[in-house]
Amino acid sequence: MEFPYFGHNLDALLDCLRDLDWLSGKGFVLYYTDYARFLDADPHSFDKILDVFIDAIDFRRQYPIPPLYILFQVPQGKLFSLRVLELG
């Protein structure tokens, strides 16, 4: 995904995912295909990215704007479990 602006930090990523007004659609899907390498290399940072995704999804659910969904492609034969999320 290419954003029209990006400050190259997690706050900027959150801002970009909250404000998708520059795109048109009834909803948005971010399909994360290469998470395993990042997760293996830096689990702590990966957890921070998940927090950004959760915050962006929750923010968008509070307003009458198109929703954001984030999907992870799981490599065959690799087990993957995200923490259970309950969004308001």
C-alpha atoms as a PDB file:
ATOM      1  CA  MET A   1       0.000   0.000   0.000  1.00  0.00           C
ATOM      2  CA  GLU A   2       1.327   3.402  -0.878  1.00  0.00           C
ATOM      3  CA  PHE A   3       0.147   6.327   1.191  1.00  0.00           C
ATOM      4  CA  PRO A   4       0.075   9.884  -0.169  1.00  0.00           C
ATOM      5  CA  TYR A   5       2.134  10.861   2.887  1.00  0.00           C
ATOM      6  CA  PHE A   6       3.942   8.811   5.488  1.00  0.00           C
ATOM      7  CA  GLY A   7       6.168   9.938   8.352  1.00  0.00           C
ATOM      8  CA  HIS A   8       7.957   6.565   8.656  1.00  0.00           C
ATOM      9  CA  ASN A   9       6.934   5.810  12.242  1.00  0.00           C
ATOM     10  CA  LEU A  10       4.059   4.004  13.934  1.00  0.00           C
ATOM     11  CA  ASP A  11       2.136   7.196  14.710  1.00  0.00           C
ATOM     12  CA  ALA A  12       2.227   8.103  11.028  1.00  0.00           C
ATOM     13  CA  LEU A  13       1.049   4.617  10.061  1.00  0.00           C
ATOM     14  CA  LEU A  14      -1.867   4.926  12.472  1.00  0.00           C
ATOM     15  CA  ASP A  15      -2.778   8.343  11.030  1.00  0.00           C
ATOM     16  CA  CYS A  16      -2.698   6.923   7.500  1.00  0.00           C
ATOM     17  CA  LEU A  17      -4.882   3.933   8.378  1.00  0.00           C
ATOM     18  CA  ARG A  18      -7.381   6.136  10.199  1.00  0.00           C
ATOM     19  CA  ASP A  19      -7.635   8.593   7.302  1.00  0.00           C
ATOM     20  CA  LEU A  20      -8.289   6.706   4.085  1.00  0.00           C
ATOM     21  CA  ASP A  21     -10.347   9.532   2.568  1.00  0.00           C
ATOM     22  CA  TRP A  22      -8.012   9.648  -0.428  1.00  0.00           C
ATOM     23  CA  LEU A  23      -9.328   6.206  -1.450  1.00  0.00           C
ATOM     24  CA  SER A  24     -12.831   5.366  -2.582  1.00  0.00           C
ATOM     25  CA  GLY A  25     -14.669   2.255  -1.518  1.00  0.00           C
ATOM     26  CA  LYS A  26     -17.245   0.738   0.785  1.00  0.00           C
ATOM     27  CA  GLY A  27     -14.493  -0.743   2.926  1.00  0.00           C
ATOM     28  CA  PHE A  28     -10.773  -1.449   2.857  1.00  0.00           C
ATOM     29  CA  VAL A  29      -8.765  -4.643   3.219  1.00  0.00           C
ATOM     30  CA  LEU A  30      -5.082  -4.691   4.082  1.00  0.00           C
ATOM     31  CA  TYR A  31      -3.803  -8.151   3.119  1.00  0.00           C
ATOM     32  CA  TYR A  32      -0.565  -8.790   4.997  1.00  0.00           C
ATOM     33  CA  THR A  33       1.385 -11.506   3.151  1.00  0.00           C
ATOM     34  CA  ASP A  34       4.911 -11.384   4.551  1.00  0.00           C
ATOM     35  CA  TYR A  35       4.309 -11.092   8.269  1.00  0.00           C
ATOM     36  CA  ALA A  36       6.209 -14.268   9.246  1.00  0.00           C
ATOM     37  CA  ARG A  37       9.650 -12.850   8.462  1.00  0.00           C
ATOM     38  CA  PHE A  38       8.902  -9.701  10.469  1.00  0.00           C
ATOM     39  CA  LEU A  39       7.388 -11.695  13.341  1.00  0.00           C
ATOM     40  CA  ASP A  40      10.417 -14.003  13.499  1.00  0.00           C
ATOM     41  CA  ALA A  41      12.915 -11.126  13.292  1.00  0.00           C
ATOM     42  CA  ASP A  42      11.318  -8.783  15.824  1.00  0.00           C
ATOM     43  CA  PRO A  43       8.299 -10.100  17.774  1.00  0.00           C
ATOM     44  CA  HIS A  44       8.126  -6.994  19.988  1.00  0.00           C
ATOM     45  CA  SER A  45       7.851  -4.623  17.032  1.00  0.00           C
ATOM     46  CA  PHE A  46       5.352  -6.930  15.360  1.00  0.00           C
ATOM     47  CA  ASP A  47       3.196  -6.669  18.489  1.00  0.00           C
ATOM     48  CA  LYS A  48       3.364  -2.864  18.239  1.00  0.00           C
ATOM     49  CA  ILE A  49       2.213  -3.063  14.609  1.00  0.00           C
ATOM     50  CA  LEU A  50      -0.747  -5.185  15.725  1.00  0.00           C
ATOM     51  CA  ASP A  51      -1.636  -2.475  18.252  1.00  0.00           C
ATOM     52  CA  VAL A  52      -1.614   0.098  15.446  1.00  0.00           C
ATOM     53  CA  PHE A  53      -3.896  -2.107  13.336  1.00  0.00           C
ATOM     54  CA  ILE A  54      -6.301  -2.587  16.256  1.00  0.00           C
ATOM     55  CA  ASP A  55      -6.364   1.148  17.013  1.00  0.00           C
ATOM     56  CA  ALA A  56      -7.053   1.995  13.365  1.00  0.00           C
ATOM     57  CA  ILE A  57      -9.856  -0.557  13.067  1.00  0.00           C
ATOM     58  CA  ASP A  58     -11.429   0.569  16.337  1.00  0.00           C
ATOM     59  CA  PHE A  59     -11.188   4.245  15.349  1.00  0.00           C
ATOM     60  CA  ARG A  60     -12.922   3.607  12.019  1.00  0.00           C
ATOM     61  CA  ARG A  61     -15.704   1.647  13.745  1.00  0.00           C
ATOM     62  CA  GLN A  62     -16.610   4.708  15.831  1.00  0.00           C
ATOM     63  CA  TYR A  63     -17.577   6.806  12.811  1.00  0.00           C
ATOM     64  CA  PRO A  64     -19.850   6.372   9.786  1.00  0.00           C
ATOM     65  CA  ILE A  65     -16.890   5.757   7.473  1.00  0.00           C
ATOM     66  CA  PRO A  66     -15.935   2.663   5.458  1.00  0.00           C
ATOM     67  CA  PRO A  67     -14.464  -0.077   7.672  1.00  0.00           C
ATOM     68  CA  LEU A  68     -10.913  -1.385   7.620  1.00  0.00           C
ATOM     69  CA  TYR A  69     -10.156  -5.103   7.679  1.00  0.00           C
ATOM     70  CA  ILE A  70      -6.692  -6.584   8.054  1.00  0.00           C
ATOM     71  CA  LEU A  71      -6.040 -10.132   6.900  1.00  0.00           C
ATOM     72  CA  PHE A  72      -2.894 -12.201   7.368  1.00  0.00           C
ATOM     73  CA  GLN A  73      -1.822 -14.861   4.896  1.00  0.00           C
ATOM     74  CA  VAL A  74      -0.595 -17.835   6.893  1.00  0.00           C
ATOM     75  CA  PRO A  75       2.100 -19.945   5.210  1.00  0.00           C
ATOM     76  CA  GLN A  76       1.117 -23.563   4.736  1.00  0.00           C
ATOM     77  CA  GLY A  77       2.219 -25.725   7.621  1.00  0.00           C
ATOM     78  CA  LYS A  78       2.879 -22.796   9.952  1.00  0.00           C
ATOM     79  CA  LEU A  79       0.644 -22.272  12.924  1.00  0.00           C
ATOM     80  CA  PHE A  80      -0.207 -18.697  13.703  1.00  0.00           C
ATOM     81  CA  SER A  81      -2.352 -17.312  16.457  1.00  0.00           C
ATOM     82  CA  LEU A  82      -3.151 -13.672  17.101  1.00  0.00           C
ATOM     83  CA  ARG A  83      -4.250 -12.722  20.545  1.00  0.00           C
ATOM     84  CA  VAL A  84      -8.012 -12.698  20.851  1.00  0.00           C
ATOM     85  CA  LEU A  85      -9.332  -9.252  20.071  1.00  0.00           C
ATOM     86  CA  GLU A  86     -12.572  -7.821  21.315  1.00  0.00           C
ATOM     87  CA  LEU A  87     -13.329  -4.502  19.774  1.00  0.00           C
ATOM     88  CA  GLY A  88     -16.015  -2.298  21.298  1.00  0.00           C
END
